[in-house]
Amino acid sequence: MMSLRGRVVRLWALVPLQRLNPQILLVKQFIGFVESRKD
């Protein structure tokens, strides 16, 4: 039986990069925002 984590990683690998890009940009912006708020 495959672990849940393995299944998630497999799903992520199957997602087309093009659909992933906007989400990655949003995550990067959010992380940058959080980092700037920390100082």
C-alpha atoms as a PDB file:
ATOM      1  CA  MET A   1       0.000   0.000   0.000  1.00  0.00           C
ATOM      2  CA  MET A   2       1.327   3.405  -0.994  1.00  0.00           C
ATOM      3  CA  SER A   3       1.619   6.088   1.637  1.00  0.00           C
ATOM      4  CA  LEU A   4      -0.484   9.230   1.372  1.00  0.00           C
ATOM      5  CA  ARG A   5       2.653  11.322   0.936  1.00  0.00           C
ATOM      6  CA  GLY A   6       3.756   9.170  -1.987  1.00  0.00           C
ATOM      7  CA  ARG A   7       0.358   9.612  -3.594  1.00  0.00           C
ATOM      8  CA  VAL A   8       0.495  13.395  -3.204  1.00  0.00           C
ATOM      9  CA  VAL A   9       3.990  13.561  -4.693  1.00  0.00           C
ATOM     10  CA  ARG A  10       2.780  11.442  -7.600  1.00  0.00           C
ATOM     11  CA  LEU A  11      -0.158  13.808  -8.150  1.00  0.00           C
ATOM     12  CA  TRP A  12       2.135  16.825  -8.093  1.00  0.00           C
ATOM     13  CA  ALA A  13       4.372  15.171 -10.672  1.00  0.00           C
ATOM     14  CA  LEU A  14       1.366  14.623 -12.941  1.00  0.00           C
ATOM     15  CA  VAL A  15       0.145  18.225 -12.780  1.00  0.00           C
ATOM     16  CA  PRO A  16       1.219  20.171 -15.873  1.00  0.00           C
ATOM     17  CA  LEU A  17       3.853  22.785 -15.069  1.00  0.00           C
ATOM     18  CA  GLN A  18       1.866  25.448 -16.894  1.00  0.00           C
ATOM     19  CA  ARG A  19      -1.053  25.125 -14.504  1.00  0.00           C
ATOM     20  CA  LEU A  20       1.355  25.113 -11.579  1.00  0.00           C
ATOM     21  CA  ASN A  21       3.198  28.327 -12.455  1.00  0.00           C
ATOM     22  CA  PRO A  22       0.572  30.896 -11.364  1.00  0.00           C
ATOM     23  CA  GLN A  23       0.196  29.145  -8.011  1.00  0.00           C
ATOM     24  CA  ILE A  24       3.961  29.070  -7.495  1.00  0.00           C
ATOM     25  CA  LEU A  25       4.124  32.805  -8.204  1.00  0.00           C
ATOM     26  CA  LEU A  26       1.344  33.444  -5.691  1.00  0.00           C
ATOM     27  CA  VAL A  27       3.108  31.335  -3.070  1.00  0.00           C
ATOM     28  CA  LYS A  28       6.390  33.172  -3.695  1.00  0.00           C
ATOM     29  CA  GLN A  29       4.652  36.535  -3.351  1.00  0.00           C
ATOM     30  CA  PHE A  30       2.973  35.406  -0.142  1.00  0.00           C
ATOM     31  CA  ILE A  31       6.257  34.129   1.318  1.00  0.00           C
ATOM     32  CA  GLY A  32       7.957  37.394   0.379  1.00  0.00           C
ATOM     33  CA  PHE A  33       5.143  39.325   2.035  1.00  0.00           C
ATOM     34  CA  VAL A  34       5.442  37.275   5.239  1.00  0.00           C
ATOM     35  CA  GLU A  35       9.229  37.689   5.270  1.00  0.00           C
ATOM     36  CA  SER A  36       8.925  41.459   4.863  1.00  0.00           C
ATOM     37  CA  ARG A  37       6.389  41.634   7.693  1.00  0.00           C
ATOM     38  CA  LYS A  38       8.769  39.768  10.018  1.00  0.00           C
ATOM     39  CA  ASP A  39      11.395  42.509  10.077  1.00  0.00           C
END
